[in-house]
Structure formats: structure tokens, C-alpha cells
Protein backbone atom coordinates (compact mmCIF):
# COMPACT_ATOMS: atom_id res chain seq x y z
CA MET A 1 56.11 -2.25 6.31
CA LYS A 2 53.19 -3.99 7.59
CA ARG A 3 50.98 -1.24 5.78
CA TYR A 4 52.78 -1.69 2.78
CA ILE A 5 52.43 -5.43 3.05
CA LEU A 6 48.57 -5.08 3.58
CA ILE A 7 48.06 -2.49 0.53
CA LEU A 8 50.08 -5.09 -1.56
CA MET A 9 47.88 -7.82 -0.41
CA LEU A 10 44.62 -5.88 -1.02
CA ALA A 11 45.87 -5.00 -4.49
CA LEU A 12 46.72 -8.76 -5.22
CA LEU A 13 43.21 -9.69 -4.03
CA LEU A 14 41.50 -7.43 -6.05
CA ALA A 15 43.50 -8.22 -9.10
CA SER A 16 42.82 -11.98 -8.59
CA ALA A 17 38.83 -11.07 -8.13
CA CYS A 18 38.85 -9.23 -11.45
CA GLN A 19 40.85 -11.92 -12.99
CA SER A 20 38.33 -14.40 -11.85
CA GLU A 21 35.48 -12.44 -12.99
CA SER A 22 37.36 -12.01 -16.62
CA SER A 23 37.76 -15.63 -16.71
CA ARG A 24 34.03 -16.52 -15.96
CA ALA A 25 32.90 -14.23 -18.51
CA ALA A 26 35.18 -15.85 -21.00
CA THR A 27 34.26 -19.27 -20.38
CA ALA A 28 30.65 -18.56 -20.41
CA ASN A 29 30.88 -16.81 -23.80
CA LYS A 30 33.11 -19.27 -25.26
CA LYS A 31 31.28 -20.67 -28.31
CA LEU A 32 27.99 -19.36 -26.78
CA GLY A 33 25.13 -20.52 -28.55
CA THR A 34 26.40 -23.90 -29.84
CA ARG A 35 25.05 -27.48 -28.80
CA GLN A 36 27.85 -27.69 -26.37
CA ASN A 37 27.27 -24.35 -24.79
CA PRO A 38 23.68 -23.31 -25.56
CA ILE A 39 22.36 -19.77 -24.76
CA LYS A 40 20.62 -20.54 -21.13
CA MET A 41 17.27 -18.96 -20.73
CA TYR A 42 15.44 -19.09 -17.22
CA PHE A 43 11.72 -18.29 -16.37
CA VAL A 44 10.61 -17.58 -12.77
CA PRO A 45 8.09 -20.02 -11.22
CA SER A 46 5.23 -17.55 -11.11
CA LEU A 47 2.88 -20.07 -12.78
CA GLU A 48 2.72 -23.74 -12.94
CA ALA A 49 6.42 -24.88 -13.91
CA GLY A 50 5.26 -27.51 -16.64
CA LYS A 51 3.32 -24.95 -18.59
CA VAL A 52 6.32 -22.44 -18.46
CA VAL A 53 8.75 -24.88 -19.79
CA SER A 54 6.22 -25.95 -22.33
CA SER A 55 5.99 -22.13 -23.49
CA GLY A 56 9.64 -21.39 -23.00
CA GLU A 57 10.42 -24.41 -25.16
CA ALA A 58 8.25 -22.92 -27.95
CA ILE A 59 10.12 -19.51 -27.57
CA ALA A 60 13.70 -21.50 -27.82
CA LYS A 61 12.48 -23.09 -30.70
CA ALA A 62 11.40 -20.36 -32.63
CA LEU A 63 14.62 -18.44 -31.41
CA ASN A 64 16.80 -21.11 -33.01
CA GLU A 65 14.66 -20.91 -36.28
CA ALA A 66 15.69 -17.19 -36.41
CA THR A 67 19.16 -16.98 -35.08
CA GLY A 68 20.68 -20.32 -35.65
CA TYR A 69 21.87 -20.36 -31.95
CA HIS A 70 20.67 -23.24 -29.59
CA TYR A 71 19.24 -22.57 -26.08
CA LYS A 72 18.30 -24.43 -22.99
CA VAL A 73 15.10 -23.57 -21.10
CA ALA A 74 14.70 -23.97 -17.10
CA VAL A 75 12.62 -22.84 -14.49
CA PRO A 76 14.29 -22.83 -10.94
CA THR A 77 12.38 -22.95 -7.70
CA SER A 78 12.57 -19.42 -6.83
CA TYR A 79 12.86 -15.84 -8.17
CA ALA A 80 16.06 -15.52 -6.13
CA ALA A 81 17.55 -18.70 -7.76
CA VAL A 82 17.42 -17.04 -11.18
CA ILE A 83 18.78 -13.96 -9.99
CA GLU A 84 21.47 -15.73 -8.66
CA ALA A 85 21.90 -17.64 -11.81
CA LEU A 86 22.41 -14.35 -13.95
CA GLY A 87 25.30 -13.44 -11.41
CA SER A 88 27.00 -16.61 -11.58
CA TYR A 89 26.95 -16.96 -15.65
CA GLN A 90 24.42 -20.30 -15.14
CA CYS A 91 21.95 -17.90 -16.71
CA ASP A 92 22.04 -15.57 -19.90
CA ILE A 93 18.57 -14.47 -20.39
CA ALA A 94 16.08 -14.50 -17.66
CA TRP A 95 12.27 -13.42 -17.97
CA LEU A 96 12.19 -11.44 -14.63
CA PRO A 97 9.44 -9.61 -12.93
CA THR A 98 9.99 -6.11 -12.27
CA TYR A 99 11.29 -6.14 -8.72
CA ALA A 100 13.56 -9.10 -9.29
CA TYR A 101 14.99 -7.07 -12.32
CA VAL A 102 15.74 -4.19 -10.12
CA LEU A 103 17.62 -6.38 -7.66
CA ALA A 104 19.20 -8.43 -10.40
CA HIS A 105 20.77 -5.14 -11.82
CA GLU A 106 21.79 -3.71 -8.51
CA LYS A 107 23.48 -6.87 -7.63
CA TYR A 108 24.97 -8.17 -10.81
CA ASN A 109 24.71 -5.27 -13.11
CA ALA A 110 22.09 -7.33 -15.34
CA ASN A 111 20.11 -5.37 -18.05
CA VAL A 112 16.58 -5.17 -19.28
CA ARG A 113 16.43 -5.18 -22.96
CA LEU A 114 12.62 -5.92 -23.47
CA ILE A 115 9.42 -5.07 -21.54
CA THR A 116 6.25 -7.31 -21.89
CA VAL A 117 2.96 -5.52 -23.04
CA ARG A 118 -0.48 -6.51 -21.94
CA ASN A 119 -3.80 -4.85 -23.52
CA GLY A 120 -1.45 -2.22 -25.04
CA LEU A 121 -0.07 -1.35 -21.45
CA LYS A 122 3.61 -1.52 -20.13
CA ASN A 123 2.51 -1.39 -16.41
CA TYR A 124 0.17 -3.12 -14.18
CA ARG A 125 -1.02 -3.13 -10.63
CA GLY A 126 -1.13 -5.69 -7.58
CA GLN A 127 -4.45 -6.73 -6.35
CA PHE A 128 -5.95 -7.86 -3.02
CA VAL A 129 -8.37 -10.76 -3.09
CA ALA A 130 -10.42 -12.64 -0.57
CA ALA A 131 -13.38 -14.83 -0.07
CA ARG A 132 -14.69 -14.15 3.28
CA PRO A 133 -17.95 -11.97 2.98
CA ASP A 134 -16.74 -9.76 6.18
CA ILE A 135 -13.36 -8.67 4.39
CA LYS A 136 -14.55 -5.82 2.07
CA GLY A 137 -11.65 -3.84 1.84
CA ILE A 138 -7.62 -3.55 2.42
CA GLU A 139 -8.75 -1.82 5.98
CA ASP A 140 -10.28 -5.28 7.15
CA LEU A 141 -6.83 -7.25 6.98
CA ASN A 142 -5.69 -6.56 10.36
CA ASP A 143 -5.18 -9.82 12.06
CA LYS A 144 -5.92 -11.67 9.02
CA ILE A 145 -3.72 -14.35 7.17
CA VAL A 146 -2.10 -13.30 3.94
CA ALA A 147 -0.80 -15.45 0.98
CA TYR A 148 1.86 -13.55 -0.96
CA THR A 149 3.31 -14.76 -4.10
CA ASP A 150 7.25 -14.80 -3.77
CA ALA A 151 9.58 -12.25 -1.75
CA ALA A 152 10.77 -11.17 -5.04
CA SER A 153 7.31 -10.22 -6.57
CA ALA A 154 6.59 -6.60 -7.07
CA SER A 155 2.66 -7.11 -7.24
CA GLY A 156 2.60 -10.38 -5.10
CA TYR A 157 4.59 -9.18 -2.23
CA ILE A 158 6.62 -5.94 -2.33
CA TYR A 159 3.95 -3.27 -3.38
CA PRO A 160 0.96 -4.99 -1.32
CA SER A 161 3.11 -5.33 1.76
CA ALA A 162 4.36 -1.87 1.67
CA LEU A 163 0.86 -0.49 1.40
CA LEU A 164 -0.31 -2.31 4.47
CA LYS A 165 2.69 -1.00 6.21
CA GLN A 166 1.88 2.52 5.23
CA LYS A 167 -1.70 2.13 6.40
CA GLY A 168 -0.67 0.85 9.60
CA ILE A 169 -2.29 -2.83 8.94
CA VAL A 170 -0.55 -5.60 10.44
CA PRO A 171 -1.91 -9.17 9.48
CA LYS A 172 -1.97 -12.33 11.72
CA ASP A 173 0.23 -14.03 9.60
CA HIS A 174 1.58 -14.59 6.11
CA PHE A 175 3.19 -16.99 4.02
CA PHE A 176 4.65 -17.45 0.48
CA ALA A 177 2.57 -19.66 -1.71
CA GLY A 178 5.20 -19.80 -4.44
CA GLY A 179 3.36 -18.38 -7.53
CA HIS A 180 0.11 -16.22 -8.66
CA PRO A 181 -2.46 -19.10 -8.97
CA GLN A 182 -1.29 -20.77 -5.80
CA ALA A 183 -1.76 -17.70 -3.81
CA ILE A 184 -5.37 -17.43 -5.23
CA LEU A 185 -5.88 -20.86 -4.44
CA ALA A 186 -4.67 -20.42 -0.88
CA VAL A 187 -7.95 -18.20 -0.27
CA TYR A 188 -9.99 -20.16 -2.53
CA SER A 189 -9.32 -23.28 -0.29
CA GLY A 190 -9.43 -21.22 3.01
CA ARG A 191 -5.73 -21.59 3.82
CA ALA A 192 -5.46 -17.76 3.71
CA ASP A 193 -8.13 -14.80 4.27
CA VAL A 194 -6.38 -12.73 1.62
CA ALA A 195 -4.00 -13.22 -1.38
CA THR A 196 -1.88 -10.50 -3.17
CA THR A 197 -1.45 -11.36 -6.95
CA TYR A 198 -0.81 -9.45 -10.40
CA TRP A 199 -3.91 -7.39 -11.80
CA SER A 200 -4.39 -6.32 -15.52
CA PRO A 201 -7.44 -4.96 -17.21
CA VAL A 202 -10.16 -7.05 -18.74
CA ASP A 203 -9.69 -7.65 -22.43
CA SER A 204 -11.65 -6.63 -25.30
CA THR A 205 -13.95 -9.35 -24.57
CA GLY A 206 -14.58 -8.38 -21.08
CA THR A 207 -12.59 -11.48 -19.59
CA PRO A 208 -10.48 -10.62 -16.41
CA ARG A 209 -6.69 -10.65 -17.04
CA ASP A 210 -5.65 -10.89 -13.41
CA ALA A 211 -4.31 -13.96 -11.63
CA ARG A 212 -7.77 -15.63 -11.18
CA GLU A 213 -7.89 -16.41 -14.98
CA LYS A 214 -5.42 -19.01 -14.77
CA LEU A 215 -7.56 -21.26 -12.53
CA TYR A 216 -11.11 -20.69 -14.44
CA GLU A 217 -10.82 -23.84 -16.59
CA THR A 218 -10.55 -25.90 -13.37
CA HIS A 219 -12.60 -23.73 -10.88
CA LYS A 220 -15.37 -22.14 -12.83
CA ASP A 221 -16.60 -20.30 -9.51
CA ILE A 222 -13.33 -18.46 -9.00
CA PHE A 223 -14.42 -15.23 -10.16
CA GLU A 224 -17.37 -15.20 -8.18
CA LYS A 225 -15.53 -16.81 -4.91
CA VAL A 226 -12.56 -15.03 -4.96
CA ARG A 227 -13.15 -11.11 -5.11
CA ILE A 228 -10.88 -8.21 -5.71
CA ILE A 229 -10.94 -5.95 -2.64
CA GLY A 230 -8.04 -3.70 -3.53
CA TYR A 231 -5.12 -2.35 -5.65
CA THR A 232 -1.75 -1.24 -5.30
CA ASP A 233 0.14 1.58 -7.28
CA TRP A 234 0.82 1.01 -10.94
CA ILE A 235 4.12 -0.83 -11.73
CA PRO A 236 6.48 -1.11 -14.78
CA ASN A 237 5.85 -4.57 -16.41
CA ASP A 238 8.04 -7.64 -16.16
CA THR A 239 11.04 -7.85 -18.50
CA VAL A 240 13.31 -10.08 -20.35
CA THR A 241 16.86 -9.35 -18.93
CA PHE A 242 20.21 -10.12 -20.04
CA ARG A 243 23.32 -11.13 -17.83
CA LYS A 244 26.44 -8.69 -17.80
CA ASN A 245 29.08 -9.36 -20.36
CA MET A 246 27.04 -10.80 -23.12
CA PRO A 247 28.50 -10.63 -26.31
CA GLU A 248 27.13 -7.63 -27.86
CA GLU A 249 26.27 -8.68 -31.51
CA LEU A 250 24.83 -12.14 -30.08
CA GLU A 251 22.63 -9.92 -27.66
CA ARG A 252 21.58 -7.66 -30.52
CA GLU A 253 20.48 -10.76 -32.59
CA VAL A 254 18.50 -12.44 -29.93
CA VAL A 255 16.79 -9.12 -28.59
CA LYS A 256 15.67 -8.46 -32.29
CA ALA A 257 14.75 -12.12 -32.87
CA LEU A 258 12.54 -11.87 -29.60
CA TYR A 259 10.98 -8.60 -30.51
CA ASP A 260 10.13 -9.81 -33.85
CA PHE A 261 8.75 -13.28 -32.46
CA SER A 262 6.49 -11.43 -30.31
CA GLN A 263 4.88 -9.28 -33.06
CA SER A 264 3.89 -12.28 -35.06
CA GLU A 265 0.66 -13.97 -34.43
CA LYS A 266 2.29 -17.43 -33.53
CA GLY A 267 4.60 -15.76 -31.05
CA SER A 268 1.77 -13.53 -29.29
CA HIS A 269 -0.09 -16.76 -28.85
CA ILE A 270 2.81 -18.40 -27.35
CA LEU A 271 3.26 -15.65 -25.09
CA GLN A 272 -0.24 -15.48 -24.09
CA LEU A 273 0.12 -19.26 -22.85
CA LEU A 274 3.65 -18.24 -21.04
CA TYR A 275 2.73 -15.23 -18.95
CA ASP A 276 -0.51 -13.65 -20.50
CA VAL A 277 1.85 -11.43 -22.74
CA ASP A 278 0.60 -9.80 -25.87
CA ALA A 279 3.78 -8.68 -27.04
CA LEU A 280 7.39 -7.17 -26.36
CA ASP A 281 8.90 -3.80 -26.65
CA HIS A 282 12.35 -2.44 -26.15
CA ALA A 283 13.10 -1.09 -22.61
CA GLY A 284 16.03 0.26 -20.65
CA ASP A 285 17.01 0.59 -17.15
CA ALA A 286 15.91 4.06 -16.60
CA ASP A 287 12.22 2.59 -17.13
CA TYR A 288 12.50 1.16 -13.85
CA ASP A 289 13.54 3.97 -11.74
CA VAL A 290 10.06 4.51 -10.73
CA VAL A 291 10.20 1.32 -8.81
CA ARG A 292 13.46 2.39 -7.11
CA ASP A 293 11.90 5.73 -6.09
CA ALA A 294 9.08 3.73 -4.45
CA LEU A 295 11.44 1.74 -2.65
CA LYS A 296 13.15 4.81 -1.44
CA ALA A 297 9.68 6.39 -0.37
CA MET A 298 9.14 3.12 1.41
CA ASN A 299 12.28 3.25 3.08
CA MET A 300 13.08 0.07 1.82
CA GLU A 301 16.35 -1.81 0.37
CA ALA A 302 15.98 -4.29 -2.50
CA ALA A 303 18.40 -6.62 -1.07
CA ASP A 304 16.60 -6.47 2.21
CA LEU A 305 13.49 -7.18 0.86
CA LEU A 306 14.37 -10.52 -0.73
CA LYS A 307 16.07 -11.83 2.46
């Protein structure tokens, strides 16, 4: 009898959870895209928040003109906050870095629909940078202080920290700077001995396209003072990710509008200001299996890394 009651209670709890999930989806989707319930588009704080919001608002305006839907832009304080917002229906579309997407898909069944393109490439690498003359390569990082960007950043933490672990290199200490330019500045100012950020090849004019570029206007000696001393393996580019249970027709319209926007001269310019993006291309979850394979090879779990 007790066993029967226990089974019944578990069944009721499961039914309640399913009903609650269905109810949350229905509430989130009710008149989604109206002024009263705008499509919520979140961006990660990998760059200065004010600049990200400004570019995000420009994208939202263009999408409104193309689709007729209304949008709300936000930049939470961390990558993890964006992921959790996707899972709780507080966010409908998220511009997520690679590793953050893998975790969002694993935890909340979020789905990548578009991938960023830079210099014609859909992948990139992480870089190690230093200012001290005695630090010439990755092998010199034992007992040094490392500035990472964010715990959910593939190029700014996951891949470089895994590389150090594979090589048996043990830093003295590390901290999370809160973004790629912030990590570069930590080395520039002497707070850290080394930083790890994203790297992309130079553009057609020979201008570097890595994280140091964002600081050039205010720190003209940034390329001379902060040097690249090593790289990680290649990583699939960042994503435009949609939460689960999005209305299919609405999702298709927004994906098309974003893709078309990215192919325009105006759209490409705004994406450049946002995250140094030239364009967007269509993508699916299988494109990120290489990241999952890398995590397995490193004996790492996505959820554990975010902690």
C-alpha cells in the first residue's frame, strides 16, 4: 500500500511539473511580440555594457521594422544570468558565447539558430597575452596571476584553463575580470601577469581583430605593451540562441529578419560595433558537437565548469 501511495505521489508531482512547464510556456508566448509582452533579447556583458545596449537597441529597432514585433533589450551582469533567464522564460533570444550556448542547450534545451561570422570564419581561438618581458610563452605561466574573462567564456576561460591543466601549468592565482577588454586592462595595468581573451585574424587592412582592438582608441600603446604569447585550439563562433517552446512561426520570422539584417551594410556595421561581427549564418546544435567532444577529452562537465 505504501509503495502504491509513493508511486501515486511521484506521478502527481511529475504531472504538476509538466503542467507548470506548459503553463509557463503559454504565459510567455501569450501575445509575444506586442508592446505589453515584447520579445526579450539579452546580450552577454563581454564588452562595456553601455556600448552593448546601444548596439542591441539598434538591432531591436531594425527587427521591429522588419517583423512588426516589439523587442526589449537587456545586458545582465553575467553569462550565467543570461543562461538562467533562457531557462525561466525571462529571455527569448540570447546572444551567447560558444560554451554558454552548450550549457544552455544542456540545461534548458535552448537552440542555436544563427552563428556569427568574422573575416569569413565561423570559428576563432583564445589567446594568452602578457606585458611582462620575462613572460614569453605559455610555459612561463607557472606561479603567475591570470585574468580570465568569465567562467562561461570558451576563449576567455574554458579552453585556456584546460590547456594549462593539460600542460601541468599551475598559476599562482586567478580572477574573473568580467569581460574581454577588462581582462586585457588587468594585464595593461599590472593587476594580472597574463590574460586570456578571444582572438581573430587581422582584417583586410592588417588591423588586429582580437580583444585588444577595443582599447586602442583610449590606449594607443595597447598592441605594443600587451603581447600575444600563445593560443588555444579553434572554437566555433558565438551564437544567436532561442529559448525552448518559442512559437515556430515567430521564430522563423525573427531568424530570417536577423539573417537579412546581417547581410546589409547597415546591419554589418552595427554588428561590428556590437561584437566585431561581420555577418550571421544559419547554424544548428550539431555544429557545436566539437565543443562537447573537447569537454569530454578534458574530462570536464559543462555544469561543473560554470560553478
